[in-house]
Structures are given as structure tokens and as C-alpha cells.
């Protein structure tokens, strides 16, 4: 039994939408992985900041640059860590916005796929009755 051109077109559309949905789901997965890394970095930097806050103002602070420990001013170290925390927080907010967009697109694609499936089922049901 040959498929009608309209039914073939619907199935092509369905396949295209399914591929698009798969790509969106991969993007969501990547987003989750990146966010997880930033969350770990944020925790580490907050811990470093707490440790720096425990130090006295005249304490020696060293920064690891490659294989060398370089002496650093405590205020400068705090400022650097604060900047890193601000950057990571901004990146997390940006990634959350992107994730919301992906989730909206995913929902839209799922609805589109369901409508296409219903059209195909309707076309097939109409054909079997004939």
C-alpha cells in the first residue's frame, strides 16, 4: 500500500521536528553540564573568600601562577576572588535564561510533534475506512 503524498509530507515534517527536538534536548544537557561546573567553581571561590576573610590584614597571601607561588596583597586577592564570584554569578544567570529558552522551545516542539502525529493518525484512519 503506497502512502499518499500528503501523508509522506506529514511524516517528513514529523521527522524534521523530531530531529529538532533531539538537538534541543542535547543543548539542554550541555547547558546543565556547564551550569554544574560553574556552580562548583562558585562554591570553591566562596570558600576561598571565607578563608581570606579569616586572615589578618598583615597576613601573607600567595597565588599559584603556573608552577610558582607569587606573593599577593590580601586586598588584591579578595578583590580578584570577588570579581570571579561576580563573573560566575552573571554566567549562571545567563545560562539560566538560555535554559528557559531551550525549555520553551522544547515544549513548543513537543506540541508540534503531537499535532503532526494526530494529523498522520487522522489521515491513516481516513484511508483505512475508504
C-alpha atoms as a PDB file:
ATOM      1  CA  UNK A   1       0.000   0.000   0.000  1.00  0.00           C
ATOM      2  CA  UNK A   2       1.558   3.301  -1.145  1.00  0.00           C
ATOM      3  CA  UNK A   3       1.439   6.362   1.057  1.00  0.00           C
ATOM      4  CA  UNK A   4      -0.321   9.419  -0.247  1.00  0.00           C
ATOM      5  CA  UNK A   5       1.883  12.458  -0.989  1.00  0.00           C
ATOM      6  CA  UNK A   6       0.191  14.395   1.819  1.00  0.00           C
ATOM      7  CA  UNK A   7       0.893  11.616   4.311  1.00  0.00           C
ATOM      8  CA  UNK A   8       4.538  11.377   3.179  1.00  0.00           C
ATOM      9  CA  UNK A   9       4.874  15.140   3.635  1.00  0.00           C
ATOM     10  CA  UNK A  10       3.452  14.904   7.169  1.00  0.00           C
ATOM     11  CA  UNK A  11       5.886  12.116   8.025  1.00  0.00           C
ATOM     12  CA  UNK A  12       8.821  14.163   6.690  1.00  0.00           C
ATOM     13  CA  UNK A  13       7.671  17.103   8.791  1.00  0.00           C
ATOM     14  CA  UNK A  14       7.381  14.811  11.818  1.00  0.00           C
ATOM     15  CA  UNK A  15      10.914  13.502  11.302  1.00  0.00           C
ATOM     16  CA  UNK A  16      12.247  17.037  10.931  1.00  0.00           C
ATOM     17  CA  UNK A  17      10.524  18.159  14.139  1.00  0.00           C
ATOM     18  CA  UNK A  18      11.797  15.076  15.991  1.00  0.00           C
ATOM     19  CA  UNK A  19      15.373  15.860  14.894  1.00  0.00           C
ATOM     20  CA  UNK A  20      14.973  19.465  16.032  1.00  0.00           C
ATOM     21  CA  UNK A  21      13.640  18.259  19.396  1.00  0.00           C
ATOM     22  CA  UNK A  22      16.615  15.932  19.785  1.00  0.00           C
ATOM     23  CA  UNK A  23      19.029  18.806  19.123  1.00  0.00           C
ATOM     24  CA  UNK A  24      17.272  20.999  21.690  1.00  0.00           C
ATOM     25  CA  UNK A  25      17.498  18.193  24.268  1.00  0.00           C
ATOM     26  CA  UNK A  26      21.247  17.857  23.609  1.00  0.00           C
ATOM     27  CA  UNK A  27      21.628  21.624  24.062  1.00  0.00           C
ATOM     28  CA  UNK A  28      19.737  21.426  27.365  1.00  0.00           C
ATOM     29  CA  UNK A  29      22.056  18.637  28.517  1.00  0.00           C
ATOM     30  CA  UNK A  30      25.162  20.674  27.605  1.00  0.00           C
ATOM     31  CA  UNK A  31      23.702  23.678  29.432  1.00  0.00           C
ATOM     32  CA  UNK A  32      23.209  21.559  32.577  1.00  0.00           C
ATOM     33  CA  UNK A  33      26.814  20.337  32.433  1.00  0.00           C
ATOM     34  CA  UNK A  34      28.221  23.860  32.058  1.00  0.00           C
ATOM     35  CA  UNK A  35      25.988  25.171  34.842  1.00  0.00           C
ATOM     36  CA  UNK A  36      27.163  22.347  37.106  1.00  0.00           C
ATOM     37  CA  UNK A  37      30.801  23.349  36.507  1.00  0.00           C
ATOM     38  CA  UNK A  38      30.048  26.995  37.287  1.00  0.00           C
ATOM     39  CA  UNK A  39      28.205  26.031  40.470  1.00  0.00           C
ATOM     40  CA  UNK A  40      31.253  24.057  41.642  1.00  0.00           C
ATOM     41  CA  UNK A  41      33.536  26.997  40.814  1.00  0.00           C
ATOM     42  CA  UNK A  42      31.227  29.376  42.650  1.00  0.00           C
ATOM     43  CA  UNK A  43      31.353  27.188  45.754  1.00  0.00           C
ATOM     44  CA  UNK A  44      35.146  26.987  45.590  1.00  0.00           C
ATOM     45  CA  UNK A  45      35.507  30.756  45.223  1.00  0.00           C
ATOM     46  CA  UNK A  46      33.081  31.454  48.072  1.00  0.00           C
ATOM     47  CA  UNK A  47      35.117  29.104  50.248  1.00  0.00           C
ATOM     48  CA  UNK A  48      38.333  30.942  49.280  1.00  0.00           C
ATOM     49  CA  UNK A  49      36.700  34.261  50.145  1.00  0.00           C
ATOM     50  CA  UNK A  50      35.673  32.941  53.584  1.00  0.00           C
ATOM     51  CA  UNK A  51      39.246  31.775  54.179  1.00  0.00           C
ATOM     52  CA  UNK A  52      40.613  35.171  53.110  1.00  0.00           C
ATOM     53  CA  UNK A  53      38.198  36.889  55.496  1.00  0.00           C
ATOM     54  CA  UNK A  54      39.664  34.870  58.385  1.00  0.00           C
ATOM     55  CA  UNK A  55      43.156  36.270  57.745  1.00  0.00           C
ATOM     56  CA  UNK A  56      44.634  39.286  59.467  1.00  0.00           C
ATOM     57  CA  UNK A  57      45.444  42.281  57.268  1.00  0.00           C
ATOM     58  CA  UNK A  58      49.206  41.690  57.537  1.00  0.00           C
ATOM     59  CA  UNK A  59      48.992  38.007  56.560  1.00  0.00           C
ATOM     60  CA  UNK A  60      50.973  36.703  53.631  1.00  0.00           C
ATOM     61  CA  UNK A  61      48.875  35.528  50.681  1.00  0.00           C
ATOM     62  CA  UNK A  62      50.310  33.635  47.745  1.00  0.00           C
ATOM     63  CA  UNK A  63      48.794  32.998  44.355  1.00  0.00           C
ATOM     64  CA  UNK A  64      49.770  29.985  42.280  1.00  0.00           C
ATOM     65  CA  UNK A  65      50.768  31.110  38.778  1.00  0.00           C
ATOM     66  CA  UNK A  66      51.900  28.094  36.810  1.00  0.00           C
ATOM     67  CA  UNK A  67      54.464  26.267  38.956  1.00  0.00           C
ATOM     68  CA  UNK A  68      55.338  29.388  41.001  1.00  0.00           C
ATOM     69  CA  UNK A  69      53.797  30.843  44.156  1.00  0.00           C
ATOM     70  CA  UNK A  70      53.700  34.641  43.868  1.00  0.00           C
ATOM     71  CA  UNK A  71      53.116  36.877  46.880  1.00  0.00           C
ATOM     72  CA  UNK A  72      49.901  38.875  46.595  1.00  0.00           C
ATOM     73  CA  UNK A  73      48.336  41.675  48.609  1.00  0.00           C
ATOM     74  CA  UNK A  74      45.379  40.460  50.718  1.00  0.00           C
ATOM     75  CA  UNK A  75      43.080  43.235  49.476  1.00  0.00           C
ATOM     76  CA  UNK A  76      44.015  42.421  45.874  1.00  0.00           C
ATOM     77  CA  UNK A  77      43.356  38.722  46.477  1.00  0.00           C
ATOM     78  CA  UNK A  78      39.918  39.497  47.941  1.00  0.00           C
ATOM     79  CA  UNK A  79      39.108  41.808  45.025  1.00  0.00           C
ATOM     80  CA  UNK A  80      40.117  39.134  42.496  1.00  0.00           C
ATOM     81  CA  UNK A  81      38.005  36.487  44.176  1.00  0.00           C
ATOM     82  CA  UNK A  82      35.032  38.874  44.389  1.00  0.00           C
ATOM     83  CA  UNK A  83      35.376  39.640  40.665  1.00  0.00           C
ATOM     84  CA  UNK A  84      35.452  35.923  39.898  1.00  0.00           C
ATOM     85  CA  UNK A  85      32.326  35.371  42.010  1.00  0.00           C
ATOM     86  CA  UNK A  86      30.547  38.224  40.203  1.00  0.00           C
ATOM     87  CA  UNK A  87      31.534  36.797  36.814  1.00  0.00           C
ATOM     88  CA  UNK A  88      30.430  33.257  37.704  1.00  0.00           C
ATOM     89  CA  UNK A  89      27.128  34.532  39.110  1.00  0.00           C
ATOM     90  CA  UNK A  90      26.477  36.524  35.935  1.00  0.00           C
ATOM     91  CA  UNK A  91      27.288  33.473  33.790  1.00  0.00           C
ATOM     92  CA  UNK A  92      24.912  31.327  35.855  1.00  0.00           C
ATOM     93  CA  UNK A  93      22.109  33.865  35.342  1.00  0.00           C
ATOM     94  CA  UNK A  94      22.843  33.966  31.608  1.00  0.00           C
ATOM     95  CA  UNK A  95      22.820  30.167  31.388  1.00  0.00           C
ATOM     96  CA  UNK A  96      19.537  30.002  33.308  1.00  0.00           C
ATOM     97  CA  UNK A  97      17.978  32.379  30.772  1.00  0.00           C
ATOM     98  CA  UNK A  98      19.254  30.242  27.906  1.00  0.00           C
ATOM     99  CA  UNK A  99      17.913  27.128  29.642  1.00  0.00           C
ATOM    100  CA  UNK A 100      14.449  28.711  29.937  1.00  0.00           C
ATOM    101  CA  UNK A 101      14.536  29.492  26.201  1.00  0.00           C
ATOM    102  CA  UNK A 102      15.536  25.909  25.400  1.00  0.00           C
ATOM    103  CA  UNK A 103      12.770  24.540  27.631  1.00  0.00           C
ATOM    104  CA  UNK A 104      10.201  26.778  25.908  1.00  0.00           C
ATOM    105  CA  UNK A 105      11.436  25.615  22.503  1.00  0.00           C
ATOM    106  CA  UNK A 106      11.298  22.007  23.699  1.00  0.00           C
ATOM    107  CA  UNK A 107       7.694  22.398  24.820  1.00  0.00           C
ATOM    108  CA  UNK A 108       6.783  24.028  21.517  1.00  0.00           C
ATOM    109  CA  UNK A 109       8.434  21.219  19.516  1.00  0.00           C
ATOM    110  CA  UNK A 110       6.655  18.548  21.586  1.00  0.00           C
ATOM    111  CA  UNK A 111       3.307  20.213  20.926  1.00  0.00           C
ATOM    112  CA  UNK A 112       4.130  20.471  17.219  1.00  0.00           C
ATOM    113  CA  UNK A 113       5.078  16.785  17.113  1.00  0.00           C
ATOM    114  CA  UNK A 114       1.847  15.784  18.860  1.00  0.00           C
ATOM    115  CA  UNK A 115      -0.210  17.766  16.332  1.00  0.00           C
ATOM    116  CA  UNK A 116       1.637  16.167  13.428  1.00  0.00           C
ATOM    117  CA  UNK A 117       1.128  12.700  14.925  1.00  0.00           C
ATOM    118  CA  UNK A 118      -2.598  13.392  15.275  1.00  0.00           C
ATOM    119  CA  UNK A 119      -2.778  14.549  11.641  1.00  0.00           C
ATOM    120  CA  UNK A 120      -0.970  11.396  10.483  1.00  0.00           C
ATOM    121  CA  UNK A 121      -3.266   9.184  12.569  1.00  0.00           C
ATOM    122  CA  UNK A 122      -6.291  11.005  11.192  1.00  0.00           C
ATOM    123  CA  UNK A 123      -5.054  10.621   7.622  1.00  0.00           C
ATOM    124  CA  UNK A 124      -4.313   6.926   8.170  1.00  0.00           C
ATOM    125  CA  UNK A 125      -7.690   6.340   9.828  1.00  0.00           C
ATOM    126  CA  UNK A 126      -9.438   8.056   6.922  1.00  0.00           C
ATOM    127  CA  UNK A 127      -7.534   5.870   4.463  1.00  0.00           C
ATOM    128  CA  UNK A 128      -8.395   2.607   6.226  1.00  0.00           C
ATOM    129  CA  UNK A 129     -12.092   3.490   6.232  1.00  0.00           C
ATOM    130  CA  UNK A 130     -12.048   4.089   2.461  1.00  0.00           C
END
